[in-house]
Amino acid sequence: MNSQQDISQLYNALFELESKFKKEENYPIHKRLDFKNQFDDIYELILSRVSVKDKNILDAGCGVGFGSMVLLKNGAKEVSGISVSDKEIERATQSIKKLGLQNISFKKSTFDETENSKYDIIVCVESLKHTLNFDTSIKTLLDGLKPSGKLIVVDDFFDDNHNKTSKAFASNWHLNFLISQKDIEINTSEFSTKIEDLTSYVRQKSKFKTAVNITLFSLFKKQSSFKKLFLGGLLLDQLYLNKQMKYQLVIISKKP
């Protein structure tokens, strides 16, 4: 089983990797999608599905604050961003101070520390799969919603039998599980779920090139966080190419 330290180190490594190639202080730390000129980023797509005006929002897995700032600029009343990476939180906090933004804050925290009945909207973009215990975290996040609140999850969903590729992907990205649609679809007297398949927006890689790169990375004897990040990303590409993975938008609404 992976520990919280494993996940924190992975995100710190991701920050170090991304920051080497990014000039701006806040930037997206998630998939580069092809929206065919409809949207510039996944947060814009979310804004087209849900109104954030005058809402109190938790951006759970905020990275360096890119999405949190998008939500604030589009009318959110208050945005709180959390990450398990101290380096991401440090950068996000520096950015809002430099920009002089109000009603937005960042802190190092986990899903399981979410306060009860506090948020109108909770957003988890490619972050929920990194929790240590899915059942505990999803319950805590749902408990964090006010009546009529919404939990918005965008992530990779695996709905197939586990194989060598899926196990290797989970290992390299320190995942204790892979989320499936049946895990996230909650329809009860208290909650209702809507799921939208966004897989068509995922940029498809060459099967041959992906397979060659996986082989080459696997041959490297030196173990490091960067190797795990790159190899895990390539394995995820392969799962999409094999149609074993879907990229989905899930909106779980709490009833009044």
C-alpha atoms as a PDB file:
ATOM      1  CA  MET A   1       0.000   0.000   0.000  1.00  0.00           C
ATOM      2  CA  ASN A   2       1.210   3.495  -0.807  1.00  0.00           C
ATOM      3  CA  SER A   3       1.565   6.137   1.896  1.00  0.00           C
ATOM      4  CA  GLN A   4       0.731   9.835   2.012  1.00  0.00           C
ATOM      5  CA  GLN A   5       4.449  10.532   1.720  1.00  0.00           C
ATOM      6  CA  ASP A   6       4.589   8.559  -1.551  1.00  0.00           C
ATOM      7  CA  ILE A   7       1.809  10.699  -3.024  1.00  0.00           C
ATOM      8  CA  SER A   8       3.347  13.952  -1.768  1.00  0.00           C
ATOM      9  CA  GLN A   9       6.708  13.042  -3.291  1.00  0.00           C
ATOM     10  CA  LEU A  10       5.050  12.202  -6.605  1.00  0.00           C
ATOM     11  CA  TYR A  11       3.340  15.604  -6.750  1.00  0.00           C
ATOM     12  CA  ASN A  12       6.522  17.401  -5.712  1.00  0.00           C
ATOM     13  CA  ALA A  13       8.339  15.621  -8.552  1.00  0.00           C
ATOM     14  CA  LEU A  14       5.546  16.608 -10.963  1.00  0.00           C
ATOM     15  CA  PHE A  15       5.889  20.220  -9.846  1.00  0.00           C
ATOM     16  CA  GLU A  16       9.653  20.164 -10.382  1.00  0.00           C
ATOM     17  CA  LEU A  17       9.216  18.621 -13.823  1.00  0.00           C
ATOM     18  CA  GLU A  18       6.468  20.966 -15.024  1.00  0.00           C
ATOM     19  CA  SER A  19       8.122  24.115 -13.644  1.00  0.00           C
ATOM     20  CA  LYS A  20      11.228  23.472 -15.742  1.00  0.00           C
ATOM     21  CA  PHE A  21       9.201  23.989 -18.911  1.00  0.00           C
ATOM     22  CA  LYS A  22       6.709  26.659 -17.778  1.00  0.00           C
ATOM     23  CA  LYS A  23       7.478  30.359 -17.717  1.00  0.00           C
ATOM     24  CA  GLU A  24       4.237  31.424 -16.042  1.00  0.00           C
ATOM     25  CA  GLU A  25       3.770  30.982 -12.313  1.00  0.00           C
ATOM     26  CA  ASN A  26       0.414  29.194 -12.452  1.00  0.00           C
ATOM     27  CA  TYR A  27      -0.338  26.674 -15.164  1.00  0.00           C
ATOM     28  CA  PRO A  28      -2.492  23.559 -15.687  1.00  0.00           C
ATOM     29  CA  ILE A  29      -1.133  20.372 -14.139  1.00  0.00           C
ATOM     30  CA  HIS A  30      -3.353  17.895 -15.952  1.00  0.00           C
ATOM     31  CA  LYS A  31      -3.882  16.441 -19.422  1.00  0.00           C
ATOM     32  CA  ARG A  32      -3.413  18.576 -22.493  1.00  0.00           C
ATOM     33  CA  LEU A  33      -6.729  17.979 -24.235  1.00  0.00           C
ATOM     34  CA  ASP A  34      -7.878  18.730 -27.775  1.00  0.00           C
ATOM     35  CA  PHE A  35     -11.186  20.552 -27.406  1.00  0.00           C
ATOM     36  CA  LYS A  36     -11.377  21.365 -31.121  1.00  0.00           C
ATOM     37  CA  ASN A  37     -11.507  25.117 -30.369  1.00  0.00           C
ATOM     38  CA  GLN A  38     -14.479  24.784 -27.989  1.00  0.00           C
ATOM     39  CA  PHE A  39     -12.512  25.394 -24.780  1.00  0.00           C
ATOM     40  CA  ASP A  40      -8.986  26.315 -23.762  1.00  0.00           C
ATOM     41  CA  ASP A  41      -8.895  24.076 -20.706  1.00  0.00           C
ATOM     42  CA  ILE A  42     -10.894  21.504 -18.746  1.00  0.00           C
ATOM     43  CA  TYR A  43     -11.909  24.156 -16.200  1.00  0.00           C
ATOM     44  CA  GLU A  44     -13.607  26.099 -19.017  1.00  0.00           C
ATOM     45  CA  LEU A  45     -15.581  22.981 -19.913  1.00  0.00           C
ATOM     46  CA  ILE A  46     -16.611  22.620 -16.263  1.00  0.00           C
ATOM     47  CA  LEU A  47     -17.765  26.248 -16.263  1.00  0.00           C
ATOM     48  CA  SER A  48     -19.954  25.488 -19.281  1.00  0.00           C
ATOM     49  CA  ARG A  49     -21.710  22.753 -17.284  1.00  0.00           C
ATOM     50  CA  VAL A  50     -22.002  24.341 -13.826  1.00  0.00           C
ATOM     51  CA  SER A  51     -22.438  27.939 -12.654  1.00  0.00           C
ATOM     52  CA  VAL A  52     -19.868  29.014 -10.053  1.00  0.00           C
ATOM     53  CA  LYS A  53     -21.221  32.516  -9.559  1.00  0.00           C
ATOM     54  CA  ASP A  54     -21.310  33.473  -5.860  1.00  0.00           C
ATOM     55  CA  LYS A  55     -20.343  29.922  -4.852  1.00  0.00           C
ATOM     56  CA  ASN A  56     -17.974  28.811  -2.114  1.00  0.00           C
ATOM     57  CA  ILE A  57     -15.639  26.333  -3.848  1.00  0.00           C
ATOM     58  CA  LEU A  58     -13.017  23.802  -2.830  1.00  0.00           C
ATOM     59  CA  ASP A  59     -10.487  22.988  -5.558  1.00  0.00           C
ATOM     60  CA  ALA A  60      -9.309  19.622  -4.225  1.00  0.00           C
ATOM     61  CA  GLY A  61      -6.018  18.872  -5.936  1.00  0.00           C
ATOM     62  CA  CYS A  62      -5.357  22.455  -7.015  1.00  0.00           C
ATOM     63  CA  GLY A  63      -1.808  22.101  -8.347  1.00  0.00           C
ATOM     64  CA  VAL A  64      -0.182  25.527  -8.537  1.00  0.00           C
ATOM     65  CA  GLY A  65      -3.565  27.265  -8.500  1.00  0.00           C
ATOM     66  CA  PHE A  66      -4.363  27.574 -12.204  1.00  0.00           C
ATOM     67  CA  GLY A  67      -7.898  26.170 -11.994  1.00  0.00           C
ATOM     68  CA  SER A  68      -8.655  27.897  -8.701  1.00  0.00           C
ATOM     69  CA  MET A  69      -7.910  31.266 -10.292  1.00  0.00           C
ATOM     70  CA  VAL A  70     -10.083  30.418 -13.300  1.00  0.00           C
ATOM     71  CA  LEU A  71     -12.980  29.674 -10.945  1.00  0.00           C
ATOM     72  CA  LEU A  72     -12.431  32.927  -9.036  1.00  0.00           C
ATOM     73  CA  LYS A  73     -12.264  35.002 -12.213  1.00  0.00           C
ATOM     74  CA  ASN A  74     -15.563  33.502 -13.340  1.00  0.00           C
ATOM     75  CA  GLY A  75     -17.535  34.733 -10.349  1.00  0.00           C
ATOM     76  CA  ALA A  76     -16.875  32.348  -7.474  1.00  0.00           C
ATOM     77  CA  LYS A  77     -17.441  33.999  -4.112  1.00  0.00           C
ATOM     78  CA  GLU A  78     -14.514  32.234  -2.435  1.00  0.00           C
ATOM     79  CA  VAL A  79     -12.078  29.546  -3.580  1.00  0.00           C
ATOM     80  CA  SER A  80      -9.971  27.310  -1.345  1.00  0.00           C
ATOM     81  CA  GLY A  81      -7.302  25.173  -2.992  1.00  0.00           C
ATOM     82  CA  ILE A  82      -5.650  22.144  -1.434  1.00  0.00           C
ATOM     83  CA  SER A  83      -2.804  19.877  -2.486  1.00  0.00           C
ATOM     84  CA  VAL A  84      -0.613  17.282  -0.792  1.00  0.00           C
ATOM     85  CA  SER A  85       2.429  18.941  -2.376  1.00  0.00           C
ATOM     86  CA  ASP A  86       4.045  21.647  -0.258  1.00  0.00           C
ATOM     87  CA  LYS A  87       5.878  22.893  -3.358  1.00  0.00           C
ATOM     88  CA  GLU A  88       2.637  23.357  -5.297  1.00  0.00           C
ATOM     89  CA  ILE A  89       1.017  25.190  -2.391  1.00  0.00           C
ATOM     90  CA  GLU A  90       4.037  27.446  -1.972  1.00  0.00           C
ATOM     91  CA  ARG A  91       3.929  28.407  -5.664  1.00  0.00           C
ATOM     92  CA  ALA A  92       0.149  28.938  -5.643  1.00  0.00           C
ATOM     93  CA  THR A  93       0.360  31.175  -2.573  1.00  0.00           C
ATOM     94  CA  GLN A  94       3.164  33.218  -4.138  1.00  0.00           C
ATOM     95  CA  SER A  95       1.057  33.708  -7.279  1.00  0.00           C
ATOM     96  CA  ILE A  96      -2.018  35.110  -5.543  1.00  0.00           C
ATOM     97  CA  LYS A  97       0.144  37.442  -3.455  1.00  0.00           C
ATOM     98  CA  LYS A  98       1.884  38.724  -6.572  1.00  0.00           C
ATOM     99  CA  LEU A  99      -1.455  39.210  -8.355  1.00  0.00           C
ATOM    100  CA  GLY A 100      -3.114  40.734  -5.293  1.00  0.00           C
ATOM    101  CA  LEU A 101      -6.090  38.376  -5.492  1.00  0.00           C
ATOM    102  CA  GLN A 102      -8.667  38.311  -2.702  1.00  0.00           C
ATOM    103  CA  ASN A 103     -11.072  35.558  -1.578  1.00  0.00           C
ATOM    104  CA  ILE A 104      -8.710  32.778  -2.623  1.00  0.00           C
ATOM    105  CA  SER A 105      -6.367  30.730  -0.457  1.00  0.00           C
ATOM    106  CA  PHE A 106      -4.229  27.603  -0.591  1.00  0.00           C
ATOM    107  CA  LYS A 107      -3.048  25.109   1.988  1.00  0.00           C
ATOM    108  CA  LYS A 108      -1.435  21.679   2.156  1.00  0.00           C
ATOM    109  CA  SER A 109      -4.205  19.228   2.995  1.00  0.00           C
ATOM    110  CA  THR A 110      -5.896  15.975   1.975  1.00  0.00           C
ATOM    111  CA  PHE A 111      -9.436  15.148   0.859  1.00  0.00           C
ATOM    112  CA  ASP A 112     -10.077  13.513   4.215  1.00  0.00           C
ATOM    113  CA  GLU A 113      -9.668  16.828   6.045  1.00  0.00           C
ATOM    114  CA  THR A 114     -12.587  18.473   4.223  1.00  0.00           C
ATOM    115  CA  GLU A 115     -14.913  20.333   6.579  1.00  0.00           C
ATOM    116  CA  ASN A 116     -18.542  19.220   6.772  1.00  0.00           C
ATOM    117  CA  SER A 117     -21.299  21.136   4.944  1.00  0.00           C
ATOM    118  CA  LYS A 118     -19.022  24.014   3.924  1.00  0.00           C
ATOM    119  CA  TYR A 119     -18.910  24.106   0.119  1.00  0.00           C
ATOM    120  CA  ASP A 120     -21.363  24.773  -2.693  1.00  0.00           C
ATOM    121  CA  ILE A 121     -19.009  23.089  -5.165  1.00  0.00           C
ATOM    122  CA  ILE A 122     -16.022  20.775  -4.763  1.00  0.00           C
ATOM    123  CA  VAL A 123     -13.852  20.201  -7.834  1.00  0.00           C
ATOM    124  CA  CYS A 124     -11.424  17.294  -8.233  1.00  0.00           C
ATOM    125  CA  VAL A 125      -9.561  17.409 -11.549  1.00  0.00           C
ATOM    126  CA  GLU A 126      -7.364  14.321 -12.009  1.00  0.00           C
ATOM    127  CA  SER A 127      -6.734  14.144  -8.285  1.00  0.00           C
ATOM    128  CA  LEU A 128      -9.244  11.741  -6.722  1.00  0.00           C
ATOM    129  CA  LYS A 129      -7.434   8.664  -8.061  1.00  0.00           C
ATOM    130  CA  HIS A 130      -4.453   9.612  -5.887  1.00  0.00           C
ATOM    131  CA  THR A 131      -6.312   9.313  -2.598  1.00  0.00           C
ATOM    132  CA  LEU A 132      -5.183   6.521  -0.302  1.00  0.00           C
ATOM    133  CA  ASN A 133      -8.693   5.252   0.416  1.00  0.00           C
ATOM    134  CA  PHE A 134     -11.423   5.977  -2.122  1.00  0.00           C
ATOM    135  CA  ASP A 135     -14.405   5.059   0.066  1.00  0.00           C
ATOM    136  CA  THR A 136     -13.244   7.294   2.920  1.00  0.00           C
ATOM    137  CA  SER A 137     -12.411  10.231   0.680  1.00  0.00           C
ATOM    138  CA  ILE A 138     -15.577  10.182  -1.418  1.00  0.00           C
ATOM    139  CA  LYS A 139     -17.678  10.104   1.756  1.00  0.00           C
ATOM    140  CA  THR A 140     -15.738  13.011   3.272  1.00  0.00           C
ATOM    141  CA  LEU A 141     -16.020  15.074   0.100  1.00  0.00           C
ATOM    142  CA  LEU A 142     -19.757  14.470  -0.170  1.00  0.00           C
ATOM    143  CA  ASP A 143     -20.168  15.362   3.499  1.00  0.00           C
ATOM    144  CA  GLY A 144     -18.365  18.619   2.719  1.00  0.00           C
ATOM    145  CA  LEU A 145     -21.194  19.767   0.434  1.00  0.00           C
ATOM    146  CA  LYS A 146     -23.973  22.081   1.472  1.00  0.00           C
ATOM    147  CA  PRO A 147     -27.546  21.099   0.505  1.00  0.00           C
ATOM    148  CA  SER A 148     -27.852  21.386  -3.316  1.00  0.00           C
ATOM    149  CA  GLY A 149     -24.045  21.319  -3.544  1.00  0.00           C
ATOM    150  CA  LYS A 150     -22.110  19.538  -6.292  1.00  0.00           C
ATOM    151  CA  LEU A 151     -19.021  17.351  -6.342  1.00  0.00           C
ATOM    152  CA  ILE A 152     -17.356  17.584  -9.756  1.00  0.00           C
ATOM    153  CA  VAL A 153     -14.823  14.896 -10.641  1.00  0.00           C
ATOM    154  CA  VAL A 154     -12.801  14.729 -13.854  1.00  0.00           C
ATOM    155  CA  ASP A 155     -10.479  11.737 -14.035  1.00  0.00           C
ATOM    156  CA  ASP A 156      -9.297   8.551 -15.710  1.00  0.00           C
ATOM    157  CA  PHE A 157     -11.795   5.709 -15.235  1.00  0.00           C
ATOM    158  CA  PHE A 158     -10.732   2.094 -15.673  1.00  0.00           C
ATOM    159  CA  ASP A 159     -13.592  -0.295 -16.460  1.00  0.00           C
ATOM    160  CA  ASP A 160     -11.797  -3.486 -17.455  1.00  0.00           C
ATOM    161  CA  ASN A 161     -10.011  -6.458 -15.937  1.00  0.00           C
ATOM    162  CA  HIS A 162      -6.622  -5.623 -14.466  1.00  0.00           C
ATOM    163  CA  ASN A 163      -3.639  -6.623 -16.538  1.00  0.00           C
ATOM    164  CA  LYS A 164       0.119  -6.091 -16.641  1.00  0.00           C
ATOM    165  CA  THR A 165      -0.224  -2.573 -18.054  1.00  0.00           C
ATOM    166  CA  SER A 166      -2.841  -1.354 -15.570  1.00  0.00           C
ATOM    167  CA  LYS A 167      -0.906  -2.798 -12.620  1.00  0.00           C
ATOM    168  CA  ALA A 168       2.346  -1.199 -13.803  1.00  0.00           C
ATOM    169  CA  PHE A 169       0.585   2.154 -14.311  1.00  0.00           C
ATOM    170  CA  ALA A 170      -0.853   2.060 -10.786  1.00  0.00           C
ATOM    171  CA  SER A 171       2.539   1.116  -9.347  1.00  0.00           C
ATOM    172  CA  ASN A 172       4.456   3.921 -11.081  1.00  0.00           C
ATOM    173  CA  TRP A 173       1.924   6.574 -10.033  1.00  0.00           C
ATOM    174  CA  HIS A 174       1.560   5.227  -6.486  1.00  0.00           C
ATOM    175  CA  LEU A 175      -2.140   4.465  -6.919  1.00  0.00           C
ATOM    176  CA  ASN A 176      -3.837   2.168  -4.429  1.00  0.00           C
ATOM    177  CA  PHE A 177      -6.718   1.606  -6.874  1.00  0.00           C
ATOM    178  CA  LEU A 178      -8.071   2.633 -10.276  1.00  0.00           C
ATOM    179  CA  ILE A 179     -11.481   4.332 -10.191  1.00  0.00           C
ATOM    180  CA  SER A 180     -14.279   2.664 -12.147  1.00  0.00           C
ATOM    181  CA  GLN A 181     -17.612   4.147 -13.140  1.00  0.00           C
ATOM    182  CA  LYS A 182     -19.458   1.914 -10.680  1.00  0.00           C
ATOM    183  CA  ASP A 183     -17.310   3.349  -7.859  1.00  0.00           C
ATOM    184  CA  ILE A 184     -18.347   6.936  -8.584  1.00  0.00           C
ATOM    185  CA  GLU A 185     -21.975   6.546  -9.710  1.00  0.00           C
ATOM    186  CA  ILE A 186     -24.008   7.420  -6.618  1.00  0.00           C
ATOM    187  CA  ASN A 187     -27.780   7.543  -6.942  1.00  0.00           C
ATOM    188  CA  THR A 188     -29.531   7.548  -3.589  1.00  0.00           C
ATOM    189  CA  SER A 189     -32.211   9.488  -1.759  1.00  0.00           C
ATOM    190  CA  GLU A 190     -29.529  12.093  -0.963  1.00  0.00           C
ATOM    191  CA  PHE A 191     -27.448  12.223  -4.166  1.00  0.00           C
ATOM    192  CA  SER A 192     -27.815  11.928  -7.941  1.00  0.00           C
ATOM    193  CA  THR A 193     -25.045  11.436 -10.519  1.00  0.00           C
ATOM    194  CA  LYS A 194     -24.524  12.557 -14.102  1.00  0.00           C
ATOM    195  CA  ILE A 195     -21.601  11.225 -16.149  1.00  0.00           C
ATOM    196  CA  GLU A 196     -20.273  12.683 -19.391  1.00  0.00           C
ATOM    197  CA  ASP A 197     -17.677  10.846 -21.466  1.00  0.00           C
ATOM    198  CA  LEU A 198     -14.836  13.181 -22.501  1.00  0.00           C
ATOM    199  CA  THR A 199     -12.567  10.490 -23.961  1.00  0.00           C
ATOM    200  CA  SER A 200     -12.835  11.950 -27.467  1.00  0.00           C
ATOM    201  CA  TYR A 201     -10.923  15.020 -26.246  1.00  0.00           C
ATOM    202  CA  VAL A 202      -7.917  12.965 -25.115  1.00  0.00           C
ATOM    203  CA  ARG A 203      -5.078  13.313 -27.599  1.00  0.00           C
ATOM    204  CA  GLN A 204      -4.295   9.910 -29.067  1.00  0.00           C
ATOM    205  CA  LYS A 205      -0.653   8.885 -29.323  1.00  0.00           C
ATOM    206  CA  SER A 206       0.922   6.516 -31.829  1.00  0.00           C
ATOM    207  CA  LYS A 207       0.639   2.888 -30.689  1.00  0.00           C
ATOM    208  CA  PHE A 208       4.068   2.060 -32.079  1.00  0.00           C
ATOM    209  CA  LYS A 209       5.803   5.091 -30.571  1.00  0.00           C
ATOM    210  CA  THR A 210       4.134   4.559 -27.198  1.00  0.00           C
ATOM    211  CA  ALA A 211       5.163   0.894 -27.094  1.00  0.00           C
ATOM    212  CA  VAL A 212       8.765   1.747 -28.057  1.00  0.00           C
ATOM    213  CA  ASN A 213       8.999   4.493 -25.417  1.00  0.00           C
ATOM    214  CA  ILE A 214       7.624   2.179 -22.723  1.00  0.00           C
ATOM    215  CA  THR A 215      10.255  -0.407 -23.619  1.00  0.00           C
ATOM    216  CA  LEU A 216      13.056   2.163 -23.563  1.00  0.00           C
ATOM    217  CA  PHE A 217      12.013   3.654 -20.219  1.00  0.00           C
ATOM    218  CA  SER A 218      11.656   0.186 -18.713  1.00  0.00           C
ATOM    219  CA  LEU A 219      15.276  -0.579 -19.629  1.00  0.00           C
ATOM    220  CA  PHE A 220      16.604   2.316 -17.532  1.00  0.00           C
ATOM    221  CA  LYS A 221      18.033   0.783 -14.382  1.00  0.00           C
ATOM    222  CA  LYS A 222      18.114   3.986 -12.368  1.00  0.00           C
ATOM    223  CA  GLN A 223      14.953   4.403 -10.297  1.00  0.00           C
ATOM    224  CA  SER A 224      13.676   7.922  -9.688  1.00  0.00           C
ATOM    225  CA  SER A 225      10.441   9.866  -9.257  1.00  0.00           C
ATOM    226  CA  PHE A 226      10.898  11.325 -12.744  1.00  0.00           C
ATOM    227  CA  LYS A 227      11.219   7.865 -14.307  1.00  0.00           C
ATOM    228  CA  LYS A 228       8.039   6.766 -12.551  1.00  0.00           C
ATOM    229  CA  LEU A 229       6.193   9.880 -13.772  1.00  0.00           C
ATOM    230  CA  PHE A 230       7.234   9.444 -17.404  1.00  0.00           C
ATOM    231  CA  LEU A 231       6.683   5.693 -17.494  1.00  0.00           C
ATOM    232  CA  GLY A 232       3.341   5.990 -15.718  1.00  0.00           C
ATOM    233  CA  GLY A 233       2.221   8.574 -18.274  1.00  0.00           C
ATOM    234  CA  LEU A 234       3.203   6.318 -21.162  1.00  0.00           C
ATOM    235  CA  LEU A 235       1.384   3.371 -19.616  1.00  0.00           C
ATOM    236  CA  LEU A 236      -1.724   5.539 -19.215  1.00  0.00           C
ATOM    237  CA  ASP A 237      -1.467   6.446 -22.916  1.00  0.00           C
ATOM    238  CA  GLN A 238      -1.337   2.735 -23.715  1.00  0.00           C
ATOM    239  CA  LEU A 239      -4.451   2.038 -21.645  1.00  0.00           C
ATOM    240  CA  TYR A 240      -6.305   4.717 -23.639  1.00  0.00           C
ATOM    241  CA  LEU A 241      -5.013   3.283 -26.918  1.00  0.00           C
ATOM    242  CA  ASN A 242      -6.270  -0.140 -25.837  1.00  0.00           C
ATOM    243  CA  LYS A 243      -9.661   1.433 -24.991  1.00  0.00           C
ATOM    244  CA  GLN A 244      -9.381   0.276 -21.395  1.00  0.00           C
ATOM    245  CA  MET A 245      -9.507   3.777 -19.938  1.00  0.00           C
ATOM    246  CA  LYS A 246     -12.099   6.546 -20.239  1.00  0.00           C
ATOM    247  CA  TYR A 247     -11.810  10.235 -19.397  1.00  0.00           C
ATOM    248  CA  GLN A 248     -15.040  11.275 -17.739  1.00  0.00           C
ATOM    249  CA  LEU A 249     -16.749  14.237 -16.133  1.00  0.00           C
ATOM    250  CA  VAL A 250     -18.848  13.229 -13.136  1.00  0.00           C
ATOM    251  CA  ILE A 251     -21.242  15.595 -11.368  1.00  0.00           C
ATOM    252  CA  ILE A 252     -22.682  14.291  -8.100  1.00  0.00           C
ATOM    253  CA  SER A 253     -25.443  16.584  -6.867  1.00  0.00           C
ATOM    254  CA  LYS A 254     -26.604  16.726  -3.287  1.00  0.00           C
ATOM    255  CA  LYS A 255     -30.336  17.122  -3.029  1.00  0.00           C
ATOM    256  CA  PRO A 256     -31.802  20.131  -1.139  1.00  0.00           C
END
